[in-house]
């Protein structure tokens, strides 16, 4: 990632981040190490999960870093691609599930008789 929006991660930038907030940077690093340590879930599986989550949060740095870490920890390309597809379904599933909010509002507007877009088209006005 070397474009203007996502600069390349460099050791200089990482050092500057640590220097600007050393205690917080150290705590965050320790937290990450604890989270990705083997436990009830293996480190490999945790990075596969992270790859899926990174696709939903759309963090290119996380996608890159956790893909590499998952591969280093024995994940297969097929496992990673399936995780990405799970993420895609969950992201799309969220839009599908939340459609009931729009449907409820349409029903409420219909019962109140205020379908503005439909009324304006019927009268010949532009929306």
Protein backbone atom coordinates (compact mmCIF):
# COMPACT_ATOMS: atom_id res chain seq x y z
CA UNK A 1 0.00 0.00 0.00
CA UNK A 2 1.91 2.96 -1.24
CA UNK A 3 -0.75 5.38 -2.40
CA UNK A 4 -1.55 8.71 -0.78
CA UNK A 5 -4.56 7.42 1.14
CA UNK A 6 -2.77 4.44 2.65
CA UNK A 7 0.92 5.17 3.13
CA UNK A 8 3.32 2.28 3.47
CA UNK A 9 4.01 1.16 7.00
CA UNK A 10 7.60 2.02 7.87
CA UNK A 11 9.71 1.49 10.96
CA UNK A 12 10.09 5.28 11.18
CA UNK A 13 6.32 5.81 11.35
CA UNK A 14 5.96 3.01 13.89
CA UNK A 15 8.71 4.58 16.02
CA UNK A 16 7.01 7.99 15.87
CA UNK A 17 3.71 6.45 16.94
CA UNK A 18 5.43 4.81 19.94
CA UNK A 19 7.25 8.03 20.84
CA UNK A 20 4.08 10.11 20.81
CA UNK A 21 2.20 7.79 23.20
CA UNK A 22 4.67 5.25 24.60
CA UNK A 23 2.52 3.86 27.42
CA UNK A 24 -0.54 3.46 25.22
CA UNK A 25 1.52 1.92 22.40
CA UNK A 26 3.06 -0.58 24.81
CA UNK A 27 -0.33 -1.46 26.28
CA UNK A 28 -1.83 -1.92 22.82
CA UNK A 29 1.08 -4.15 21.76
CA UNK A 30 0.72 -6.28 24.91
CA UNK A 31 -3.03 -6.52 24.36
CA UNK A 32 -2.52 -7.73 20.78
CA UNK A 33 0.00 -10.33 21.90
CA UNK A 34 -2.41 -11.61 24.55
CA UNK A 35 -5.36 -11.70 22.16
CA UNK A 36 -3.50 -13.66 19.47
CA UNK A 37 -1.77 -16.11 21.83
CA UNK A 38 -2.87 -19.74 21.68
CA UNK A 39 -5.78 -20.39 23.99
CA UNK A 40 -9.17 -22.00 23.47
CA UNK A 41 -8.64 -20.86 19.86
CA UNK A 42 -5.33 -21.37 18.10
CA UNK A 43 -3.28 -18.40 16.93
CA UNK A 44 -3.87 -19.64 13.36
CA UNK A 45 -7.63 -19.61 13.81
CA UNK A 46 -7.58 -16.20 15.51
CA UNK A 47 -5.76 -14.70 12.52
CA UNK A 48 -8.28 -16.30 10.14
CA UNK A 49 -11.04 -14.61 12.17
CA UNK A 50 -9.06 -11.36 12.05
CA UNK A 51 -8.85 -11.56 8.26
CA UNK A 52 -12.63 -11.86 8.06
CA UNK A 53 -13.20 -9.03 10.53
CA UNK A 54 -10.67 -6.84 8.72
CA UNK A 55 -12.69 -7.23 5.52
CA UNK A 56 -15.84 -6.11 7.32
CA UNK A 57 -14.07 -3.15 8.97
CA UNK A 58 -12.29 -2.54 5.66
CA UNK A 59 -8.85 -1.94 7.17
CA UNK A 60 -6.25 -2.58 4.46
CA UNK A 61 -3.42 -2.73 7.00
CA UNK A 62 -5.27 -5.37 9.04
CA UNK A 63 -6.15 -7.37 5.93
CA UNK A 64 -2.51 -7.43 4.90
CA UNK A 65 -1.00 -8.05 8.32
CA UNK A 66 -3.42 -10.72 9.47
CA UNK A 67 -3.34 -12.53 6.12
CA UNK A 68 0.44 -12.77 6.40
CA UNK A 69 0.21 -13.84 10.06
CA UNK A 70 -2.44 -16.45 9.27
CA UNK A 71 -0.29 -17.91 6.51
CA UNK A 72 2.78 -17.93 8.80
CA UNK A 73 0.71 -19.82 11.38
CA UNK A 74 -0.41 -22.50 8.93
CA UNK A 75 -3.66 -21.19 7.47
CA UNK A 76 -4.38 -22.30 3.93
CA UNK A 77 -5.35 -19.99 1.11
CA UNK A 78 -8.67 -21.83 0.92
CA UNK A 79 -9.37 -21.17 4.62
CA UNK A 80 -8.61 -17.49 4.18
CA UNK A 81 -10.81 -17.16 1.11
CA UNK A 82 -13.69 -18.90 2.90
CA UNK A 83 -13.22 -16.47 5.79
CA UNK A 84 -13.44 -13.56 3.35
CA UNK A 85 -16.67 -15.03 1.92
CA UNK A 86 -18.08 -15.36 5.45
CA UNK A 87 -17.24 -11.69 6.01
CA UNK A 88 -18.94 -10.73 2.72
CA UNK A 89 -22.08 -12.65 3.67
CA UNK A 90 -22.16 -11.07 7.11
CA UNK A 91 -21.73 -7.59 5.66
CA UNK A 92 -24.48 -8.20 3.10
CA UNK A 93 -26.55 -9.94 5.75
CA UNK A 94 -26.45 -6.80 7.87
CA UNK A 95 -27.96 -4.75 5.06
CA UNK A 96 -30.58 -7.43 4.46
CA UNK A 97 -31.46 -7.69 8.16
CA UNK A 98 -31.69 -3.93 8.60
CA UNK A 99 -34.05 -3.66 5.63
CA UNK A 100 -36.86 -4.28 8.11
CA UNK A 101 -36.25 -0.78 9.48
CA UNK A 102 -36.94 0.71 6.03
CA UNK A 103 -39.92 -1.60 5.56
CA UNK A 104 -41.38 -0.58 8.94
CA UNK A 105 -40.97 3.09 8.00
CA UNK A 106 -42.65 2.47 4.64
CA UNK A 107 -45.56 0.78 6.39
CA UNK A 108 -45.79 3.64 8.90
CA UNK A 109 -45.68 6.23 6.12
CA UNK A 110 -48.27 4.29 4.14
CA UNK A 111 -50.69 4.17 7.04
CA UNK A 112 -50.18 7.89 7.65
CA UNK A 113 -50.83 8.61 3.96
CA UNK A 114 -47.55 10.40 3.31
CA UNK A 115 -45.92 8.64 0.37
CA UNK A 116 -44.33 11.85 -0.95
CA UNK A 117 -42.26 10.31 -3.75
CA UNK A 118 -45.18 8.30 -5.02
CA UNK A 119 -47.59 11.27 -4.74
CA UNK A 120 -45.26 13.62 -6.66
CA UNK A 121 -44.84 11.14 -9.52
CA UNK A 122 -48.57 10.65 -9.78
CA UNK A 123 -49.17 14.41 -9.99
CA UNK A 124 -46.51 14.83 -12.69
CA UNK A 125 -44.10 16.78 -10.48
CA UNK A 126 -40.44 15.92 -10.43
CA UNK A 127 -39.19 14.40 -7.16
